[in-house]
Amino acid sequence: MYDSVMVKCFNCGKSVEFQSKAGKCRLDKFLAREVPMEIAIDLHETIEVCKKCGTKIQLSIPEGMLSTRMFVDAPDDNFNEED
């Protein structure tokens, strides 16, 4: 299974589907303006072709968004972040 990001072809207006197996893969559909980070990273610089008019469409993450801050939790007292 997979999740999808749906965009409209800017040439003809037909829906174009980008599929990702990086998310929860429950056949969820997202619009390009609100995509879970793991799916966005998976589809970064992916190209699909509109089935109606043949226009190539590429998804990409805005500059500076390819990384994010993460929180570190130490599950036990022996954990050392520098190991």
Protein backbone atom coordinates (compact mmCIF):
# COMPACT_ATOMS: atom_id res chain seq x y z
CA MET A 1 0.00 0.00 0.00
CA TYR A 2 1.00 3.65 -0.27
CA ASP A 3 -0.07 7.25 0.37
CA SER A 4 -0.53 9.87 -2.35
CA VAL A 5 0.10 13.54 -2.90
CA MET A 6 -2.36 15.01 -5.40
CA VAL A 7 -1.58 18.08 -7.49
CA LYS A 8 -3.36 19.73 -10.39
CA CYS A 9 -1.53 19.92 -13.69
CA PHE A 10 -0.78 23.59 -14.26
CA ASN A 11 -1.30 23.09 -18.00
CA CYS A 12 -4.65 21.25 -18.24
CA GLY A 13 -5.97 21.07 -14.65
CA LYS A 14 -6.13 17.25 -14.43
CA SER A 15 -5.16 15.67 -11.09
CA VAL A 16 -1.70 14.13 -11.03
CA GLU A 17 -0.85 11.55 -8.35
CA PHE A 18 2.54 11.09 -6.68
CA GLN A 19 2.74 7.85 -4.66
CA SER A 20 4.94 7.30 -1.61
CA LYS A 21 5.60 4.30 0.59
CA ALA A 22 7.33 6.42 3.24
CA GLY A 23 4.27 7.30 5.33
CA LYS A 24 1.68 5.17 7.09
CA CYS A 25 0.64 3.72 3.71
CA ARG A 26 -3.10 3.69 4.41
CA LEU A 27 -4.07 4.99 0.96
CA ASP A 28 -4.30 8.51 2.42
CA LYS A 29 -4.36 11.41 -0.04
CA PHE A 30 -2.72 14.75 0.65
CA LEU A 31 -2.60 18.06 -1.18
CA ALA A 32 0.86 19.44 -1.92
CA ARG A 33 0.37 22.30 0.57
CA GLU A 34 0.02 19.94 3.56
CA VAL A 35 2.17 16.80 3.35
CA PRO A 36 3.69 14.81 6.26
CA MET A 37 7.45 15.36 6.39
CA GLU A 38 8.41 11.73 5.69
CA ILE A 39 6.32 11.71 2.51
CA ALA A 40 7.64 15.11 1.41
CA ILE A 41 11.23 13.91 1.81
CA ASP A 42 10.46 10.71 -0.09
CA LEU A 43 8.91 12.62 -3.01
CA HIS A 44 11.49 15.45 -3.09
CA GLU A 45 12.49 16.07 -6.74
CA THR A 46 10.15 13.33 -8.00
CA ILE A 47 8.72 13.87 -11.47
CA GLU A 48 5.36 12.58 -12.74
CA VAL A 49 3.82 13.12 -16.16
CA CYS A 50 0.23 14.30 -16.56
CA LYS A 51 -1.69 11.47 -18.23
CA LYS A 52 -3.93 13.91 -20.09
CA CYS A 53 -1.50 16.39 -21.64
CA GLY A 54 2.01 14.98 -21.02
CA THR A 55 3.25 17.90 -18.91
CA LYS A 56 6.08 16.96 -16.54
CA ILE A 57 5.49 18.02 -12.93
CA GLN A 58 8.14 17.92 -10.22
CA LEU A 59 7.59 18.08 -6.48
CA SER A 60 10.30 19.58 -4.30
CA ILE A 61 10.69 20.78 -0.74
CA PRO A 62 11.43 24.50 -0.32
CA GLU A 63 15.10 25.37 0.29
CA GLY A 64 16.06 24.97 3.96
CA MET A 65 13.26 22.51 4.77
CA LEU A 66 15.22 19.29 4.15
CA SER A 67 16.30 19.11 7.76
CA THR A 68 14.55 19.62 11.04
CA ARG A 69 15.46 19.68 14.69
CA MET A 70 14.96 16.40 16.54
CA PHE A 71 14.56 15.72 20.23
CA VAL A 72 16.76 13.15 21.94
CA ASP A 73 15.43 11.09 24.81
CA ALA A 74 17.72 8.90 26.89
CA PRO A 75 15.83 5.69 27.72
CA ASP A 76 18.42 4.61 30.27
CA ASP A 77 21.26 6.11 32.34
CA ASN A 78 23.99 4.48 30.19
CA PHE A 79 23.12 6.44 27.05
CA ASN A 80 25.71 8.93 25.81
CA GLU A 81 24.77 11.08 22.78
CA GLU A 82 28.43 11.21 21.65
CA ASP A 83 28.87 7.39 21.44
